[in-house]
Every structure is written in structure tokens, then in C-alpha cells.
Amino acid sequence: MKVRRRKKTHRSKRATAPAPPPPDLTTEIEQSVEARDKLEAEAARFKAASSQSKSAFLRSFAGEMSAVVIDANCALHRFAAWQAQEARATQAADAIYQLSAMFKERVEWFKSNSKGEAAAALLRIIERLTAERDKAGADKNAIDKRIERLRAEQESLGAASPSDTPRPPKDKAEPQRPIKAKIQPRSRGEI
């Protein structure tokens, strides 16, 4: 019995996977709010770490000096390495601050132009955080604070989404009948 083998198909090296479909507006707003909050938290962490950096470097350098004799070249290299590390940290912090500002602006734009979708996105995040809060090992205080901020933000939008707010009933006026025009008889001989 002869076994048939499938012919291998070769994909082009330039072939790429199809782009995922764009998220719906509510999901896009939800992702933007999440990114904004994560960047704000990271910026706060960077700010706290940068204030500790100089004293940590000096403490470490003083410890080395007490254990080993350090010459000027060694001190220069160590100081240059610390300055380079500080420059990279400063660049990273600047990038985080700029991205955070961009996402804050984006979320505010969504909140002013798509209030219903923004409220729905905030509600999704609150529901997810509420579920996470009940899991073991969760930082309940931090999650509660974040939920509180998101609820205040949701309330500032002016309540729930448009689908949740009742609409006033339409006035049912009697439909107007079309006006009938009197048809004039044609006079003979006209075409």
C-alpha cells in the first residue's frame, strides 16, 4: 500500500499574520483607562525610587571605601556608572510621565465624547477589580482605593450609560393627513 504525503507549502518570509480586528469603543476606553492607571502607578514608583537613589549610592560607596582602599580612577568609574544609571532612569521616568499624560488626555477625550461607553468601560473595570479583591493574596486596601477612584470618575460622567437611562415617552400627536389638491379638469384641446 502506497502512503501519500502532503506536499509542503512554503510561506513567504514577508507574510505576516492578519491584523487583529480593532476593539470596540468600550474595550478601547477600558484599555486606555487601565494603561493610564498603570502608568500613574509606575510614575509614582519611579518618583519614590529616584529620591532614594542618591542616598543608596552614597551608602554603597561608603561601604566599599571602608572595606577596600579606593583610588581616584576607581571612584571616577563608579561615579560615572552611577551617573549613567541615573540618566537612563531619568529618561525612563520622562517617557513614563509623557505616556501617562497622553493616556490621561485620551481618557478625558473619551469621557467627553463617548460618555456612555466610558461609563460602561469604568463599570467593567470596577466589576473585574471587585472579583480580584476577593481572591487570596490580593491587596484589598489598594484595590478598594482604586475602585473608589473609578466610581468617583464614573459618577462625574453623570450616571450610567445611555441604554440604562429611561427615555421620555414621545408625544403621540395625530398624524396629519396630506392635503388633497383639487384637480382642475383639463380643457379640451390641451395636451
C-alpha atoms as a PDB file:
ATOM      1  CA  MET A   1       0.000   0.000   0.000  1.00  0.00           C
ATOM      2  CA  LYS A   2       1.332   3.340  -1.008  1.00  0.00           C
ATOM      3  CA  VAL A   3       1.279   6.180   1.524  1.00  0.00           C
ATOM      4  CA  ARG A   4       0.560   9.605   0.183  1.00  0.00           C
ATOM      5  CA  ARG A   5       2.333  12.520   1.693  1.00  0.00           C
ATOM      6  CA  ARG A   6       1.124  16.046   1.672  1.00  0.00           C
ATOM      7  CA  LYS A   7       3.096  18.491  -0.318  1.00  0.00           C
ATOM      8  CA  LYS A   8       4.733  21.105   1.865  1.00  0.00           C
ATOM      9  CA  THR A   9       3.572  24.634   1.345  1.00  0.00           C
ATOM     10  CA  HIS A  10       6.079  27.372   1.718  1.00  0.00           C
ATOM     11  CA  ARG A  11       5.038  30.664   3.224  1.00  0.00           C
ATOM     12  CA  SER A  12       6.664  33.822   2.132  1.00  0.00           C
ATOM     13  CA  LYS A  13       9.144  35.217   4.605  1.00  0.00           C
ATOM     14  CA  ARG A  14       7.390  38.546   4.302  1.00  0.00           C
ATOM     15  CA  ALA A  15       3.979  37.099   5.047  1.00  0.00           C
ATOM     16  CA  THR A  16       2.551  38.437   8.258  1.00  0.00           C
ATOM     17  CA  ALA A  17      -0.297  37.344  10.410  1.00  0.00           C
ATOM     18  CA  PRO A  18      -3.513  39.232   9.757  1.00  0.00           C
ATOM     19  CA  ALA A  19      -4.012  42.217  11.990  1.00  0.00           C
ATOM     20  CA  PRO A  20      -6.472  41.633  14.807  1.00  0.00           C
ATOM     21  CA  PRO A  21      -9.763  43.466  14.430  1.00  0.00           C
ATOM     22  CA  PRO A  22      -9.912  46.770  16.258  1.00  0.00           C
ATOM     23  CA  PRO A  23     -11.581  46.548  19.671  1.00  0.00           C
ATOM     24  CA  ASP A  24     -15.000  48.024  20.167  1.00  0.00           C
ATOM     25  CA  LEU A  25     -15.100  51.512  21.648  1.00  0.00           C
ATOM     26  CA  THR A  26     -15.898  50.363  25.196  1.00  0.00           C
ATOM     27  CA  THR A  27     -12.960  47.927  25.172  1.00  0.00           C
ATOM     28  CA  GLU A  28     -10.670  50.617  23.769  1.00  0.00           C
ATOM     29  CA  ILE A  29     -11.688  53.012  26.536  1.00  0.00           C
ATOM     30  CA  GLU A  30     -11.224  50.261  29.131  1.00  0.00           C
ATOM     31  CA  GLN A  31      -7.701  49.553  27.849  1.00  0.00           C
ATOM     32  CA  SER A  32      -6.853  53.263  27.874  1.00  0.00           C
ATOM     33  CA  VAL A  33      -8.055  53.654  31.476  1.00  0.00           C
ATOM     34  CA  GLU A  34      -6.021  50.597  32.521  1.00  0.00           C
ATOM     35  CA  ALA A  35      -2.921  51.954  30.767  1.00  0.00           C
ATOM     36  CA  ARG A  36      -3.398  55.371  32.371  1.00  0.00           C
ATOM     37  CA  ASP A  37      -3.702  53.872  35.847  1.00  0.00           C
ATOM     38  CA  LYS A  38      -0.696  51.575  35.419  1.00  0.00           C
ATOM     39  CA  LEU A  39       1.456  54.426  34.118  1.00  0.00           C
ATOM     40  CA  GLU A  40       0.406  56.659  37.025  1.00  0.00           C
ATOM     41  CA  ALA A  41       1.366  53.915  39.477  1.00  0.00           C
ATOM     42  CA  GLU A  42       4.697  53.373  37.712  1.00  0.00           C
ATOM     43  CA  ALA A  43       5.401  57.129  37.728  1.00  0.00           C
ATOM     44  CA  ALA A  44       4.759  57.251  41.487  1.00  0.00           C
ATOM     45  CA  ARG A  45       7.085  54.264  41.979  1.00  0.00           C
ATOM     46  CA  PHE A  46       9.807  55.948  39.904  1.00  0.00           C
ATOM     47  CA  LYS A  47       9.459  59.161  41.871  1.00  0.00           C
ATOM     48  CA  ALA A  48       9.898  57.310  45.172  1.00  0.00           C
ATOM     49  CA  ALA A  49      12.843  55.304  43.834  1.00  0.00           C
ATOM     50  CA  SER A  50      14.627  58.360  42.427  1.00  0.00           C
ATOM     51  CA  SER A  51      14.534  60.140  45.768  1.00  0.00           C
ATOM     52  CA  GLN A  52      16.235  57.104  47.338  1.00  0.00           C
ATOM     53  CA  SER A  53      18.814  56.613  44.566  1.00  0.00           C
ATOM     54  CA  LYS A  54      21.422  59.160  45.596  1.00  0.00           C
ATOM     55  CA  SER A  55      21.470  58.141  49.252  1.00  0.00           C
ATOM     56  CA  ALA A  56      21.616  54.435  48.274  1.00  0.00           C
ATOM     57  CA  PHE A  57      24.607  55.118  46.008  1.00  0.00           C
ATOM     58  CA  LEU A  58      26.432  57.091  48.691  1.00  0.00           C
ATOM     59  CA  ARG A  59      25.720  54.405  51.310  1.00  0.00           C
ATOM     60  CA  SER A  60      27.048  51.686  48.997  1.00  0.00           C
ATOM     61  CA  PHE A  61      30.124  53.704  48.053  1.00  0.00           C
ATOM     62  CA  ALA A  62      30.913  54.494  51.682  1.00  0.00           C
ATOM     63  CA  GLY A  63      30.666  50.772  52.499  1.00  0.00           C
ATOM     64  CA  GLU A  64      33.143  49.933  49.729  1.00  0.00           C
ATOM     65  CA  MET A  65      35.532  52.646  50.890  1.00  0.00           C
ATOM     66  CA  SER A  66      35.601  51.264  54.402  1.00  0.00           C
ATOM     67  CA  ALA A  67      36.364  47.737  53.143  1.00  0.00           C
ATOM     68  CA  VAL A  68      38.795  48.481  50.298  1.00  0.00           C
ATOM     69  CA  VAL A  69      41.205  51.249  49.504  1.00  0.00           C
ATOM     70  CA  ILE A  70      39.735  53.162  46.574  1.00  0.00           C
ATOM     71  CA  ASP A  71      41.850  55.230  44.234  1.00  0.00           C
ATOM     72  CA  ALA A  72      40.724  58.181  42.110  1.00  0.00           C
ATOM     73  CA  ASN A  73      40.241  56.091  38.930  1.00  0.00           C
ATOM     74  CA  CYS A  74      38.030  53.584  40.733  1.00  0.00           C
ATOM     75  CA  ALA A  75      35.989  56.407  42.240  1.00  0.00           C
ATOM     76  CA  LEU A  76      35.676  58.050  38.815  1.00  0.00           C
ATOM     77  CA  HIS A  77      34.446  54.828  37.176  1.00  0.00           C
ATOM     78  CA  ARG A  78      32.000  54.167  39.961  1.00  0.00           C
ATOM     79  CA  PHE A  79      30.662  57.726  39.847  1.00  0.00           C
ATOM     80  CA  ALA A  80      30.362  57.643  36.025  1.00  0.00           C
ATOM     81  CA  ALA A  81      28.462  54.362  36.204  1.00  0.00           C
ATOM     82  CA  TRP A  82      26.063  55.840  38.749  1.00  0.00           C
ATOM     83  CA  GLN A  83      25.555  58.963  36.605  1.00  0.00           C
ATOM     84  CA  ALA A  84      24.819  56.819  33.534  1.00  0.00           C
ATOM     85  CA  GLN A  85      22.334  54.771  35.544  1.00  0.00           C
ATOM     86  CA  GLU A  86      20.679  57.980  36.768  1.00  0.00           C
ATOM     87  CA  ALA A  87      20.499  59.353  33.210  1.00  0.00           C
ATOM     88  CA  ARG A  88      18.770  56.166  31.985  1.00  0.00           C
ATOM     89  CA  ALA A  89      16.375  56.268  34.930  1.00  0.00           C
ATOM     90  CA  THR A  90      15.592  59.908  34.216  1.00  0.00           C
ATOM     91  CA  GLN A  91      14.887  59.129  30.553  1.00  0.00           C
ATOM     92  CA  ALA A  92      12.657  56.227  31.529  1.00  0.00           C
ATOM     93  CA  ALA A  93      10.811  58.406  34.050  1.00  0.00           C
ATOM     94  CA  ASP A  94      10.317  61.139  31.439  1.00  0.00           C
ATOM     95  CA  ALA A  95       8.901  58.592  28.995  1.00  0.00           C
ATOM     96  CA  ILE A  96       6.522  57.276  31.649  1.00  0.00           C
ATOM     97  CA  TYR A  97       5.370  60.790  32.563  1.00  0.00           C
ATOM     98  CA  GLN A  98       4.785  61.695  28.905  1.00  0.00           C
ATOM     99  CA  LEU A  99       2.894  58.470  28.185  1.00  0.00           C
ATOM    100  CA  SER A 100       0.857  58.960  31.345  1.00  0.00           C
ATOM    101  CA  ALA A 101      -0.097  62.478  30.234  1.00  0.00           C
ATOM    102  CA  MET A 102      -1.052  61.177  26.777  1.00  0.00           C
ATOM    103  CA  PHE A 103      -3.319  58.494  28.224  1.00  0.00           C
ATOM    104  CA  LYS A 104      -4.886  60.971  30.673  1.00  0.00           C
ATOM    105  CA  GLU A 105      -5.704  63.219  27.732  1.00  0.00           C
ATOM    106  CA  ARG A 106      -7.067  60.271  25.726  1.00  0.00           C
ATOM    107  CA  VAL A 107      -9.320  59.105  28.563  1.00  0.00           C
ATOM    108  CA  GLU A 108     -10.626  62.655  29.080  1.00  0.00           C
ATOM    109  CA  TRP A 109     -11.387  62.878  25.359  1.00  0.00           C
ATOM    110  CA  PHE A 110     -13.305  59.605  25.537  1.00  0.00           C
ATOM    111  CA  LYS A 111     -15.186  60.793  28.620  1.00  0.00           C
ATOM    112  CA  SER A 112     -16.273  63.997  26.911  1.00  0.00           C
ATOM    113  CA  ASN A 113     -17.150  62.451  23.543  1.00  0.00           C
ATOM    114  CA  SER A 114     -18.415  58.970  24.473  1.00  0.00           C
ATOM    115  CA  LYS A 115     -19.883  59.212  27.959  1.00  0.00           C
ATOM    116  CA  GLY A 116     -21.997  56.052  27.733  1.00  0.00           C
ATOM    117  CA  GLU A 117     -19.133  53.881  26.533  1.00  0.00           C
ATOM    118  CA  ALA A 118     -16.769  55.450  29.084  1.00  0.00           C
ATOM    119  CA  ALA A 119     -19.220  54.692  31.903  1.00  0.00           C
ATOM    120  CA  ALA A 120     -19.574  51.103  30.644  1.00  0.00           C
ATOM    121  CA  ALA A 121     -15.782  50.702  30.492  1.00  0.00           C
ATOM    122  CA  LEU A 122     -15.375  52.023  34.042  1.00  0.00           C
ATOM    123  CA  LEU A 123     -18.103  49.654  35.223  1.00  0.00           C
ATOM    124  CA  ARG A 124     -16.288  46.693  33.634  1.00  0.00           C
ATOM    125  CA  ILE A 125     -13.060  47.622  35.394  1.00  0.00           C
ATOM    126  CA  ILE A 126     -14.859  48.048  38.733  1.00  0.00           C
ATOM    127  CA  GLU A 127     -16.521  44.650  38.351  1.00  0.00           C
ATOM    128  CA  ARG A 128     -13.206  42.978  37.498  1.00  0.00           C
ATOM    129  CA  LEU A 129     -11.438  44.635  40.434  1.00  0.00           C
ATOM    130  CA  THR A 130     -14.250  43.600  42.782  1.00  0.00           C
ATOM    131  CA  ALA A 131     -13.765  39.989  41.688  1.00  0.00           C
ATOM    132  CA  GLU A 132      -9.956  40.284  42.099  1.00  0.00           C
ATOM    133  CA  ARG A 133     -10.337  41.750  45.586  1.00  0.00           C
ATOM    134  CA  ASP A 134     -11.947  38.538  46.827  1.00  0.00           C
ATOM    135  CA  LYS A 135      -9.046  36.349  45.644  1.00  0.00           C
ATOM    136  CA  ALA A 136      -6.401  35.153  48.080  1.00  0.00           C
ATOM    137  CA  GLY A 137      -3.317  37.343  48.345  1.00  0.00           C
ATOM    138  CA  ALA A 138      -4.965  40.437  46.869  1.00  0.00           C
ATOM    139  CA  ASP A 139      -4.075  43.846  48.281  1.00  0.00           C
ATOM    140  CA  LYS A 140      -7.605  44.722  49.349  1.00  0.00           C
ATOM    141  CA  ASN A 141      -6.788  48.255  50.519  1.00  0.00           C
ATOM    142  CA  ALA A 142      -5.145  49.225  47.225  1.00  0.00           C
ATOM    143  CA  ILE A 143      -7.966  47.655  45.214  1.00  0.00           C
ATOM    144  CA  ASP A 144     -10.598  49.409  47.339  1.00  0.00           C
ATOM    145  CA  LYS A 145      -8.885  52.775  46.809  1.00  0.00           C
ATOM    146  CA  ARG A 146      -8.746  52.199  43.076  1.00  0.00           C
ATOM    147  CA  ILE A 147     -12.409  51.142  42.959  1.00  0.00           C
ATOM    148  CA  GLU A 148     -13.319  54.268  44.914  1.00  0.00           C
ATOM    149  CA  ARG A 149     -11.435  56.489  42.423  1.00  0.00           C
ATOM    150  CA  LEU A 150     -13.062  54.746  39.459  1.00  0.00           C
ATOM    151  CA  ARG A 151     -16.546  55.103  40.980  1.00  0.00           C
ATOM    152  CA  ALA A 152     -15.961  58.816  41.542  1.00  0.00           C
ATOM    153  CA  GLU A 153     -14.814  59.102  37.949  1.00  0.00           C
ATOM    154  CA  GLN A 154     -17.900  57.209  36.807  1.00  0.00           C
ATOM    155  CA  GLU A 155     -20.173  59.486  38.846  1.00  0.00           C
ATOM    156  CA  SER A 156     -18.525  62.541  37.307  1.00  0.00           C
ATOM    157  CA  LEU A 157     -19.718  61.306  33.942  1.00  0.00           C
ATOM    158  CA  GLY A 158     -23.254  61.867  35.079  1.00  0.00           C
ATOM    159  CA  ALA A 159     -24.588  58.393  35.882  1.00  0.00           C
ATOM    160  CA  ALA A 160     -24.861  55.300  33.806  1.00  0.00           C
ATOM    161  CA  SER A 161     -24.726  54.615  30.123  1.00  0.00           C
ATOM    162  CA  PRO A 162     -27.440  55.932  27.787  1.00  0.00           C
ATOM    163  CA  SER A 163     -29.006  52.478  27.462  1.00  0.00           C
ATOM    164  CA  ASP A 164     -29.623  52.466  31.234  1.00  0.00           C
ATOM    165  CA  THR A 165     -31.286  55.861  31.419  1.00  0.00           C
ATOM    166  CA  PRO A 166     -35.014  55.868  30.721  1.00  0.00           C
ATOM    167  CA  ARG A 167     -36.130  57.904  27.761  1.00  0.00           C
ATOM    168  CA  PRO A 168     -39.155  60.182  27.989  1.00  0.00           C
ATOM    169  CA  PRO A 169     -42.150  58.905  26.032  1.00  0.00           C
ATOM    170  CA  LYS A 170     -42.739  60.528  22.695  1.00  0.00           C
ATOM    171  CA  ASP A 171     -45.824  62.682  22.344  1.00  0.00           C
ATOM    172  CA  LYS A 172     -48.265  60.932  20.115  1.00  0.00           C
ATOM    173  CA  ALA A 173     -49.861  63.625  18.080  1.00  0.00           C
ATOM    174  CA  GLU A 174     -52.436  62.739  15.484  1.00  0.00           C
ATOM    175  CA  PRO A 175     -50.790  62.171  12.162  1.00  0.00           C
ATOM    176  CA  GLN A 176     -51.511  64.893   9.711  1.00  0.00           C
ATOM    177  CA  ARG A 177     -53.319  63.916   6.579  1.00  0.00           C
ATOM    178  CA  PRO A 178     -51.833  65.063   3.342  1.00  0.00           C
ATOM    179  CA  ILE A 179     -53.680  67.972   1.842  1.00  0.00           C
ATOM    180  CA  LYS A 180     -55.549  66.939  -1.227  1.00  0.00           C
ATOM    181  CA  ALA A 181     -55.313  69.376  -4.026  1.00  0.00           C
ATOM    182  CA  LYS A 182     -58.328  69.956  -6.117  1.00  0.00           C
ATOM    183  CA  ILE A 183     -57.817  68.602  -9.538  1.00  0.00           C
ATOM    184  CA  GLN A 184     -58.841  71.020 -12.214  1.00  0.00           C
ATOM    185  CA  PRO A 185     -60.440  69.472 -15.234  1.00  0.00           C
ATOM    186  CA  ARG A 186     -58.499  69.936 -18.414  1.00  0.00           C
ATOM    187  CA  SER A 187     -59.978  71.981 -21.049  1.00  0.00           C
ATOM    188  CA  ARG A 188     -60.358  70.359 -24.386  1.00  0.00           C
ATOM    189  CA  GLY A 189     -57.596  70.832 -26.830  1.00  0.00           C
ATOM    190  CA  GLU A 190     -54.780  70.929 -24.265  1.00  0.00           C
ATOM    191  CA  ILE A 191     -52.169  68.360 -24.337  1.00  0.00           C
END
